[in-house]
Structures are given as structure tokens and as C-alpha cells.
Amino acid sequence: MKNSAEIHIVSFTIPYPADYGGVIDAFYKIKALYELGVKINLHCFQYDRTESEELKKYCKSVLYYHRPKRPRYFLSKIPFIVLTRSNNKLLDKLKQDDHPILFEGLHTTFHLQRLISKSRTIVVRMHNVEHNYYSNLAKKEKNFFRKVFFKSEALKLKKYEKILKSDVKVAGITEKDCAHFKDYNKNVFLVEAFHANNSIEVLKGKGEYILFHGNLSVHENVEAAKFIIKRVCSHIEFKFIIAGKNPTQELFKLSKIRSNVEIIPNPSDFEMNELIQKAQINLLISFQDTGVKLKLINALYKGRHCIVNSMIIGGSGLESLCHIADTENEIISKLNELIKADFTVEEINKREESLLKNVNNKLGAQKLINLLVKNHMI
């Protein structure tokens, strides 16, 4: 890049290790921008992670800010996830120059309106529609007090989202999300998810099992895994592997009922990638329609046949690369169809052409630079 750009990124947490959705997007975004020559001043809210040496490889500076969770914050009209990130030291730092700012999510925008000026470009990266996310959490939550918190937060976020009417640009993660944010702001742009993949690593031929993977301590994934074990596995004479972080005891108990189900807890990144590659089918379902599922992108970059439901695929632009099945019968039928089907070189080439054109970190970083930096040259 000529006339190398310098920007601020305000992250809702410390984006390393990159081990779940929003953090994966944030970390690989930083890495991709660095590789295009952007100087990054990273600002992180610290509350459940330690300071990271890894981030220093890609950033000019990395600053940390305490995130207090005071009980009185629950009573405010401002969403808790925003108010707890209202550190005034951050505002002082960002006021010291006019470099463009990338805010990661509504979470980080408490000071947004104080920073708007004619000489400064501000982009808000939206990972999903936050009030929908919290509303879905409330529906699934069994603990009374947590349910009340999620409902309250959803209502506050819906009102607070109007801050996007400000003189800023919005970078949505799916076409569906972008359409929603255009109700507030005409300057909405699609910047697809950033991820860990640089090349297609799909193996041709047949695999050895059907794989479902994800964080198995998260309610959304637990419900999907339970559905697969209870409603699908008994109809398919093929091995199922359910792999992921911290599986619940309930899943272990259920897996013992089915002789063709194996739970693999806490695989390393290398082991998970190998599981995805060697599977005959990556079965990815969700009952929560929020944002883009990065595990789908991983499965498409590394795995053979992908069967998904509409909640996983909706608005991602990746529909043509997947087999979509929503009902129990549709999933069983599609599994039976693909169990014996070779994954061909032609299908691998189709994946490569589509993914490298549409879900590519370098192209995503170039889009962000176009939004953030005037008169840049790459």
C-alpha cells in the first residue's frame, strides 16, 4: 500500500485467542489489514482474557481498558453491553488524532457521537442484529433472572441501534443484516466474515463419518446436537461424531443411547480441522437465526458435503455450495443420499471459485480500507 494508512480499531474484548465467532472475525480482520500494510492502533476491553503478545505482531499499539460491571448499570436505559464499555480513557486516546476508527459492534460505540467530525471516517462493524440475538437468548434461557436480563437488554439494544443514524458507515456481515441496517443508514456495506482459512483444503472421494461441530457448552449448539442424537441418528446406519468445546454431561448421556454416536470433547484446532476434512458429511444445523456461522465457512473450506438448515445458511450468499434441509425427514433423506456420494474434483473447483471470490480475507480487508481511508492505493 502506498501512503500506508493508520487506523484505530476498538474491540469489544481482547481478540486473541481467536476461539469463537466475533473474536475470530476481529482477529483475522486485524491480521488481513496488517498484511495489506495498515498500521493498527488496537483498543481492547479487558474482563475475561489476559493481555496478548500475539496481537503485538500485527498492531502498532495495543491498549487495554477495564470493563466494570457495576450493578447500577442494569438500571440504565443504555444497554449493559455498551455502558460497561464507556471508559473515558478510550475517548481521550481517540481524540488525540483524526485517524479513521473501526468500532467492533454496538458494544463499543458509547463514545461514537463525541468522535464524529468532518475530518474523520468512522465505520461500525456489525456482527449481527444484536437485539435479535438477545431476544433469542431470552427465549432459550431457563434461569429467571438471566431471562429477564436478556429481554431487557434486547429492548434497550433495539432503541440504542438508532445510533447508527449518525454520520458513520456500517459494515454488515450478511446481506440480510445489511438490509436491516439500511432502515437507519444509507451507507451500509457488505463486508463478509473474516476467518482462519487461506486456501481450499477439501479432500476428494468419500469420508468416514457424519460430523456436527461447535461450542458444546453453548445452548444453541447443545439443542442442535440433542436434536441430531434423538431425531436423526437412529434412522442412519453410519457413524456420527459430535465434536467441540466443553460438551455437557447431558450430551454424553444421550450419546450412550446410540451405538453410532461418538462425542469428542475439546479437540485442538489441528484435530478439529482433521475431523472436518475426513468427514463424509458436515451436518450443521442451528435453531437461532443470528449472524453468519463461521463453522459453516470452515466446513466449506475444508470439508466435503455440507448439509445445513435455513437458520445456518440464511443471507450468507453460500446457499449454492450447500444442501439445505430443514425438517427431520428432509435431513434424513439428504444424509442417506450423500452418504455414498463421492466428493468430486469439479465440486472442489466450484467451492474454490466461489469462496475465494466471496469469503476471502484479503478482499474483505480491501473493502474495509476502501470504507475507512480516503485516496488510498493498494
Protein backbone atom coordinates (compact mmCIF):
# COMPACT_ATOMS: atom_id res chain seq x y z
CA MET A 1 0.00 0.00 0.00
CA LYS A 2 1.31 3.44 -0.90
CA ASN A 3 0.84 6.16 1.71
CA SER A 4 0.31 3.48 4.36
CA ALA A 5 -2.89 4.07 6.31
CA GLU A 6 -3.16 4.29 10.09
CA ILE A 7 -6.41 3.44 11.87
CA HIS A 8 -7.90 2.76 15.30
CA ILE A 9 -9.83 -0.45 15.98
CA VAL A 10 -11.97 -0.56 19.13
CA SER A 11 -12.60 -4.20 20.08
CA PHE A 12 -15.31 -5.39 22.50
CA THR A 13 -12.79 -7.81 24.04
CA ILE A 14 -9.20 -8.97 23.55
CA PRO A 15 -9.39 -10.65 20.10
CA TYR A 16 -6.95 -13.45 20.86
CA PRO A 17 -7.09 -16.40 21.14
CA ALA A 18 -9.48 -16.49 18.19
CA ASP A 19 -11.76 -19.21 19.54
CA TYR A 20 -15.34 -18.03 18.97
CA GLY A 21 -17.40 -16.17 16.38
CA GLY A 22 -16.96 -12.43 16.92
CA VAL A 23 -13.37 -12.79 18.13
CA ILE A 24 -12.45 -14.91 15.09
CA ASP A 25 -13.82 -12.20 12.80
CA ALA A 26 -11.97 -9.47 14.73
CA PHE A 27 -8.59 -11.24 14.90
CA TYR A 28 -8.38 -12.32 11.26
CA LYS A 29 -9.56 -8.87 10.21
CA ILE A 30 -6.63 -7.34 12.10
CA LYS A 31 -4.23 -9.82 10.50
CA ALA A 32 -5.58 -9.20 6.98
CA LEU A 33 -5.38 -5.40 7.37
CA TYR A 34 -1.81 -5.71 8.68
CA GLU A 35 -0.84 -7.81 5.66
CA LEU A 36 -2.07 -5.00 3.40
CA GLY A 37 0.17 -2.52 5.20
CA VAL A 38 -2.32 -0.84 7.53
CA LYS A 39 -0.94 0.49 10.83
CA ILE A 40 -3.36 -0.53 13.56
CA ASN A 41 -3.86 1.04 16.97
CA LEU A 42 -5.90 -1.58 18.78
CA HIS A 43 -8.05 -0.73 21.82
CA CYS A 44 -9.37 -3.72 23.82
CA PHE A 45 -11.80 -4.02 26.70
CA GLN A 46 -10.40 -6.46 29.24
CA TYR A 47 -12.61 -8.53 31.55
CA ASP A 48 -12.19 -12.27 30.97
CA ARG A 49 -8.95 -12.55 28.94
CA THR A 50 -5.30 -11.81 29.52
CA GLU A 51 -3.13 -9.36 27.58
CA SER A 52 -1.87 -10.85 24.32
CA GLU A 53 1.67 -10.88 22.93
CA GLU A 54 0.30 -12.26 19.64
CA LEU A 55 -1.58 -9.04 18.88
CA LYS A 56 1.65 -7.04 19.02
CA LYS A 57 2.78 -8.82 15.82
CA TYR A 58 0.05 -7.08 13.83
CA CYS A 59 -0.59 -3.80 15.65
CA LYS A 60 1.38 -0.59 16.04
CA SER A 61 -0.04 -0.33 19.55
CA VAL A 62 -2.32 -2.42 21.78
CA LEU A 63 -4.09 -0.69 24.67
CA TYR A 64 -6.33 -2.25 27.31
CA TYR A 65 -9.27 -0.76 29.21
CA HIS A 66 -11.02 -2.10 32.29
CA ARG A 67 -14.66 -3.09 31.82
CA PRO A 68 -16.51 -2.58 35.14
CA LYS A 69 -19.80 -4.44 35.63
CA ARG A 70 -21.46 -2.34 38.29
CA PRO A 71 -24.98 -3.40 39.43
CA ARG A 72 -26.39 0.09 38.83
CA TYR A 73 -25.61 -0.31 35.12
CA PHE A 74 -28.50 -2.77 34.87
CA LEU A 75 -30.92 0.08 35.67
CA SER A 76 -29.69 2.38 32.89
CA LYS A 77 -31.58 2.95 29.62
CA ILE A 78 -28.27 2.36 27.83
CA PRO A 79 -27.63 -1.33 27.08
CA PHE A 80 -25.41 -3.04 29.62
CA ILE A 81 -23.01 -4.27 26.92
CA VAL A 82 -22.49 -0.63 25.82
CA LEU A 83 -22.41 1.13 29.19
CA THR A 84 -19.80 -1.26 30.60
CA ARG A 85 -17.52 -0.17 27.74
CA SER A 86 -17.76 3.57 28.41
CA ASN A 87 -14.17 4.10 29.54
CA ASN A 88 -13.19 7.79 29.32
CA LYS A 89 -9.50 6.94 28.83
CA LEU A 90 -10.51 5.41 25.49
CA LEU A 91 -12.24 8.65 24.47
CA ASP A 92 -9.14 10.67 25.39
CA LYS A 93 -6.90 8.38 23.30
CA LEU A 94 -9.17 8.51 20.26
CA LYS A 95 -9.36 12.32 20.42
CA GLN A 96 -5.58 12.68 20.10
CA ASP A 97 -5.67 12.37 16.29
CA ASP A 98 -8.05 12.11 13.34
CA HIS A 99 -7.19 8.60 12.18
CA PRO A 100 -10.20 6.57 10.97
CA ILE A 101 -11.93 4.42 13.60
CA LEU A 102 -13.40 0.94 13.23
CA PHE A 103 -15.80 0.13 16.08
CA GLU A 104 -16.35 -3.61 16.56
CA GLY A 105 -20.09 -3.96 17.24
CA LEU A 106 -22.62 -1.74 19.02
CA HIS A 107 -20.87 -2.80 22.24
CA THR A 108 -18.02 -0.32 21.66
CA THR A 109 -19.96 2.75 20.43
CA PHE A 110 -20.62 4.61 23.71
CA HIS A 111 -18.34 7.49 22.63
CA LEU A 112 -19.21 7.35 18.93
CA GLN A 113 -21.13 10.64 18.66
CA ARG A 114 -18.40 12.54 20.53
CA LEU A 115 -15.89 11.48 17.89
CA ILE A 116 -17.76 12.35 14.70
CA SER A 117 -16.16 15.14 12.69
CA LYS A 118 -15.83 16.18 9.04
CA SER A 119 -12.17 15.20 9.04
CA ARG A 120 -12.67 11.70 10.45
CA THR A 121 -14.12 8.50 8.98
CA ILE A 122 -15.91 6.10 11.33
CA VAL A 123 -17.08 2.59 10.45
CA VAL A 124 -19.17 0.38 12.76
CA ARG A 125 -18.68 -3.34 12.13
CA MET A 126 -21.91 -5.21 12.92
CA HIS A 127 -21.53 -8.94 13.58
CA ASN A 128 -25.30 -9.46 13.79
CA VAL A 129 -28.55 -7.70 14.73
CA GLU A 130 -27.86 -7.50 18.45
CA HIS A 131 -31.41 -7.11 19.73
CA ASN A 132 -32.48 -10.21 17.79
CA TYR A 133 -29.54 -12.11 19.29
CA TYR A 134 -30.50 -11.16 22.85
CA SER A 135 -34.18 -11.81 22.20
CA ASN A 136 -33.29 -15.34 21.08
CA LEU A 137 -31.13 -15.81 24.18
CA ALA A 138 -34.12 -14.83 26.34
CA LYS A 139 -36.36 -17.37 24.64
CA LYS A 140 -33.90 -20.20 25.30
CA GLU A 141 -32.84 -19.19 28.82
CA LYS A 142 -34.30 -21.17 31.75
CA ASN A 143 -32.84 -19.12 34.62
CA PHE A 144 -35.43 -16.47 35.54
CA PHE A 145 -33.01 -13.63 36.30
CA ARG A 146 -30.90 -14.22 33.18
CA LYS A 147 -34.07 -14.38 31.08
CA VAL A 148 -35.20 -11.01 32.47
CA PHE A 149 -31.75 -9.53 31.75
CA PHE A 150 -31.73 -10.79 28.14
CA LYS A 151 -35.26 -9.46 27.50
CA SER A 152 -34.36 -6.09 28.97
CA GLU A 153 -31.12 -5.91 27.01
CA ALA A 154 -32.94 -6.78 23.76
CA LEU A 155 -35.39 -3.88 24.26
CA LYS A 156 -32.58 -1.45 25.11
CA LEU A 157 -30.49 -2.55 22.12
CA LYS A 158 -33.41 -2.12 19.73
CA LYS A 159 -33.73 1.52 20.83
CA TYR A 160 -29.99 2.11 21.00
CA GLU A 161 -29.45 0.75 17.48
CA LYS A 162 -30.71 4.10 16.18
CA ILE A 163 -27.23 5.46 16.93
CA LEU A 164 -26.38 4.05 13.50
CA LYS A 165 -28.29 7.00 12.02
CA SER A 166 -25.19 9.05 12.85
CA ASP A 167 -22.73 10.22 10.21
CA VAL A 168 -20.93 6.86 10.08
CA LYS A 169 -20.60 3.90 7.74
CA VAL A 170 -21.88 0.45 8.67
CA ALA A 171 -20.15 -2.80 7.65
CA GLY A 172 -22.66 -5.65 7.85
CA ILE A 173 -21.64 -9.31 7.79
CA THR A 174 -24.54 -10.70 5.67
CA GLU A 175 -26.88 -9.30 3.02
CA LYS A 176 -29.79 -9.90 5.38
CA ASP A 177 -28.18 -7.86 8.15
CA CYS A 178 -27.27 -5.09 5.70
CA ALA A 179 -30.91 -4.82 4.60
CA HIS A 180 -31.92 -4.35 8.24
CA PHE A 181 -29.35 -1.62 8.94
CA LYS A 182 -30.36 0.31 5.82
CA ASP A 183 -33.50 1.31 7.74
CA TYR A 184 -31.19 3.62 9.71
CA ASN A 185 -28.34 4.46 7.38
CA LYS A 186 -27.81 4.58 3.60
CA ASN A 187 -24.07 3.99 4.00
CA VAL A 188 -24.31 0.26 4.71
CA PHE A 189 -21.83 -2.08 3.04
CA LEU A 190 -21.39 -5.83 2.99
CA VAL A 191 -18.04 -6.98 4.39
CA GLU A 192 -18.14 -10.76 4.73
CA ALA A 193 -16.82 -12.64 7.77
CA PHE A 194 -13.08 -12.93 8.36
CA HIS A 195 -11.83 -16.41 9.20
CA ALA A 196 -8.78 -18.67 9.58
CA ASN A 197 -8.76 -20.10 6.05
CA ASN A 198 -6.38 -19.04 3.28
CA SER A 199 -6.93 -21.86 0.79
CA ILE A 200 -9.33 -24.69 -0.07
CA GLU A 201 -8.29 -27.89 1.72
CA VAL A 202 -11.17 -30.18 0.72
CA LEU A 203 -10.37 -33.84 0.04
CA LYS A 204 -11.99 -35.63 -2.88
CA GLY A 205 -13.65 -39.04 -2.55
CA LYS A 206 -15.52 -40.42 0.47
CA GLY A 207 -15.24 -39.78 4.20
CA GLU A 208 -15.69 -41.91 7.27
CA TYR A 209 -18.50 -40.32 9.32
CA ILE A 210 -21.05 -37.52 9.67
CA LEU A 211 -19.78 -34.59 11.73
CA PHE A 212 -21.54 -31.94 13.81
CA HIS A 213 -19.20 -29.47 15.49
CA GLY A 214 -19.36 -26.33 17.59
CA ASN A 215 -19.01 -24.99 21.13
CA LEU A 216 -20.93 -27.69 23.00
CA SER A 217 -21.41 -25.60 26.13
CA VAL A 218 -23.49 -23.04 24.22
CA HIS A 219 -27.25 -23.59 24.39
CA GLU A 220 -27.76 -23.15 20.65
CA ASN A 221 -25.29 -25.93 19.80
CA VAL A 222 -26.42 -28.22 22.62
CA GLU A 223 -30.00 -28.08 21.30
CA ALA A 224 -28.84 -28.88 17.77
CA ALA A 225 -26.69 -31.79 18.99
CA LYS A 226 -29.59 -33.18 21.05
CA PHE A 227 -31.85 -32.96 18.01
CA ILE A 228 -29.34 -34.91 15.91
CA ILE A 229 -28.87 -37.64 18.53
CA LYS A 230 -32.56 -38.01 19.37
CA ARG A 231 -34.19 -37.50 15.99
CA VAL A 232 -31.66 -38.31 13.26
CA CYS A 233 -29.04 -40.86 14.33
CA SER A 234 -31.45 -43.77 14.80
CA HIS A 235 -32.51 -43.51 11.13
CA ILE A 236 -28.99 -43.56 9.66
CA GLU A 237 -26.63 -46.56 9.60
CA PHE A 238 -23.46 -44.52 9.63
CA LYS A 239 -21.14 -43.17 12.31
CA PHE A 240 -21.85 -39.73 13.79
CA ILE A 241 -19.20 -37.63 15.53
CA ILE A 242 -20.20 -34.65 17.66
CA ALA A 243 -17.12 -32.59 18.49
CA GLY A 244 -16.46 -29.35 20.27
CA LYS A 245 -15.65 -27.35 23.36
CA ASN A 246 -16.87 -28.47 26.79
CA PRO A 247 -19.74 -30.84 25.90
CA THR A 248 -22.44 -31.04 28.57
CA GLN A 249 -22.99 -34.17 30.65
CA GLU A 250 -26.44 -34.42 29.06
CA LEU A 251 -24.83 -34.91 25.65
CA PHE A 252 -22.53 -37.64 26.97
CA LYS A 253 -25.52 -39.47 28.49
CA LEU A 254 -27.55 -39.19 25.29
CA SER A 255 -24.65 -40.43 23.15
CA LYS A 256 -24.56 -43.69 25.13
CA ILE A 257 -28.06 -44.49 23.92
CA ARG A 258 -26.88 -44.57 20.29
CA SER A 259 -24.16 -47.03 19.31
CA ASN A 260 -23.25 -44.96 16.23
CA VAL A 261 -22.59 -41.69 18.11
CA GLU A 262 -19.21 -40.55 19.46
CA ILE A 263 -18.59 -37.34 21.42
CA ILE A 264 -15.12 -35.82 21.03
CA PRO A 265 -14.53 -33.16 23.71
CA ASN A 266 -12.22 -30.18 23.30
CA PRO A 267 -10.32 -31.11 20.13
CA SER A 268 -7.34 -28.91 19.28
CA ASP A 269 -7.55 -26.69 16.19
CA PHE A 270 -5.47 -29.25 14.30
CA GLU A 271 -7.73 -32.13 15.42
CA MET A 272 -10.90 -30.20 14.54
CA ASN A 273 -9.61 -29.35 11.09
CA GLU A 274 -8.75 -33.01 10.55
CA LEU A 275 -12.24 -34.06 11.71
CA ILE A 276 -13.84 -31.63 9.25
CA GLN A 277 -11.62 -32.85 6.39
CA LYS A 278 -12.16 -36.56 6.95
CA ALA A 279 -15.94 -36.38 7.35
CA GLN A 280 -18.17 -37.60 4.57
CA ILE A 281 -20.78 -35.01 5.54
CA ASN A 282 -20.60 -31.92 7.71
CA LEU A 283 -24.08 -31.59 9.21
CA LEU A 284 -24.59 -28.05 10.51
CA ILE A 285 -27.91 -27.00 11.97
CA SER A 286 -28.98 -24.20 14.27
CA PHE A 287 -32.26 -23.04 15.75
CA GLN A 288 -31.06 -19.45 16.16
CA ASP A 289 -31.00 -17.09 13.19
CA THR A 290 -28.26 -14.59 14.09
CA GLY A 291 -25.26 -13.51 12.05
CA VAL A 292 -23.04 -15.74 9.95
CA LYS A 293 -21.87 -19.07 11.31
CA LEU A 294 -18.07 -19.24 10.98
CA LYS A 295 -18.14 -23.00 11.41
CA LEU A 296 -20.00 -23.12 8.08
CA ILE A 297 -17.17 -21.23 6.38
CA ASN A 298 -14.63 -23.65 7.93
CA ALA A 299 -16.65 -26.64 6.74
CA LEU A 300 -16.83 -25.27 3.20
CA TYR A 301 -13.09 -24.51 3.05
CA LYS A 302 -12.09 -27.90 4.49
CA GLY A 303 -14.94 -30.41 4.32
CA ARG A 304 -16.81 -32.48 1.76
CA HIS A 305 -20.61 -32.44 1.53
CA CYS A 306 -22.32 -29.83 3.73
CA ILE A 307 -25.91 -30.25 4.84
CA VAL A 308 -27.33 -27.17 6.57
CA ASN A 309 -30.67 -25.79 7.65
CA SER A 310 -32.01 -22.36 6.72
CA MET A 311 -31.05 -20.84 10.08
CA ILE A 312 -27.37 -21.59 9.40
CA ILE A 313 -27.25 -20.51 5.77
CA GLY A 314 -29.79 -17.66 5.60
CA GLY A 315 -28.46 -14.49 3.98
CA SER A 316 -24.87 -15.76 3.77
CA GLY A 317 -24.67 -15.99 -0.03
CA LEU A 318 -23.28 -19.52 0.31
CA GLU A 319 -26.50 -21.37 -0.50
CA SER A 320 -25.26 -22.79 -3.80
CA LEU A 321 -22.41 -24.63 -2.03
CA CYS A 322 -24.64 -26.44 0.47
CA HIS A 323 -27.51 -28.91 0.63
CA ILE A 324 -30.37 -27.25 2.53
CA ALA A 325 -32.69 -29.37 4.68
CA ASP A 326 -34.95 -28.07 7.43
CA THR A 327 -37.24 -30.82 8.66
CA GLU A 328 -36.25 -34.07 10.32
CA ASN A 329 -37.35 -36.05 7.23
CA GLU A 330 -35.50 -33.73 4.84
CA ILE A 331 -32.27 -34.07 6.84
CA ILE A 332 -32.53 -37.87 6.99
CA SER A 333 -33.30 -38.11 3.27
CA LYS A 334 -30.39 -35.85 2.31
CA LEU A 335 -28.00 -37.76 4.60
CA ASN A 336 -28.97 -41.07 3.01
CA GLU A 337 -28.46 -39.55 -0.45
CA LEU A 338 -24.96 -38.21 0.26
CA ILE A 339 -23.50 -40.97 2.47
CA LYS A 340 -22.26 -42.91 -0.56
CA ALA A 341 -21.60 -39.97 -2.89
CA ASP A 342 -18.01 -39.16 -3.84
CA PHE A 343 -16.96 -35.54 -3.48
CA THR A 344 -15.55 -34.72 -6.90
CA VAL A 345 -12.77 -32.51 -8.24
CA GLU A 346 -15.46 -30.50 -10.04
CA GLU A 347 -17.17 -29.78 -6.73
CA ILE A 348 -13.86 -28.74 -5.16
CA ASN A 349 -13.23 -26.35 -8.05
CA LYS A 350 -16.71 -24.86 -7.61
CA ARG A 351 -16.00 -24.28 -3.92
CA GLU A 352 -12.68 -22.63 -4.68
CA GLU A 353 -14.10 -20.28 -7.28
CA SER A 354 -17.00 -19.19 -5.08
CA LEU A 355 -15.26 -18.94 -1.70
CA LEU A 356 -12.13 -17.13 -2.87
CA LYS A 357 -14.35 -14.62 -4.65
CA ASN A 358 -16.90 -14.09 -1.86
CA VAL A 359 -15.45 -15.06 1.55
CA ASN A 360 -11.82 -14.04 1.20
CA ASN A 361 -9.91 -12.21 3.95
CA LYS A 362 -7.77 -10.15 1.57
CA LEU A 363 -10.79 -8.92 -0.40
CA GLY A 364 -12.62 -8.21 2.86
CA ALA A 365 -9.69 -6.16 4.13
CA GLN A 366 -9.58 -4.22 0.87
CA LYS A 367 -13.29 -3.42 1.25
CA LEU A 368 -12.69 -2.10 4.77
CA ILE A 369 -9.77 0.03 3.65
CA ASN A 370 -11.98 1.49 0.91
CA LEU A 371 -14.51 2.47 3.60
CA LEU A 372 -12.02 3.79 6.13
CA VAL A 373 -9.28 5.52 4.16
CA LYS A 374 -9.66 8.26 1.56
CA ASN A 375 -7.40 8.29 -1.51
CA HIS A 376 -5.71 5.04 -0.56
CA MET A 377 -3.83 2.92 -3.11
CA ILE A 378 -3.33 -0.84 -2.85
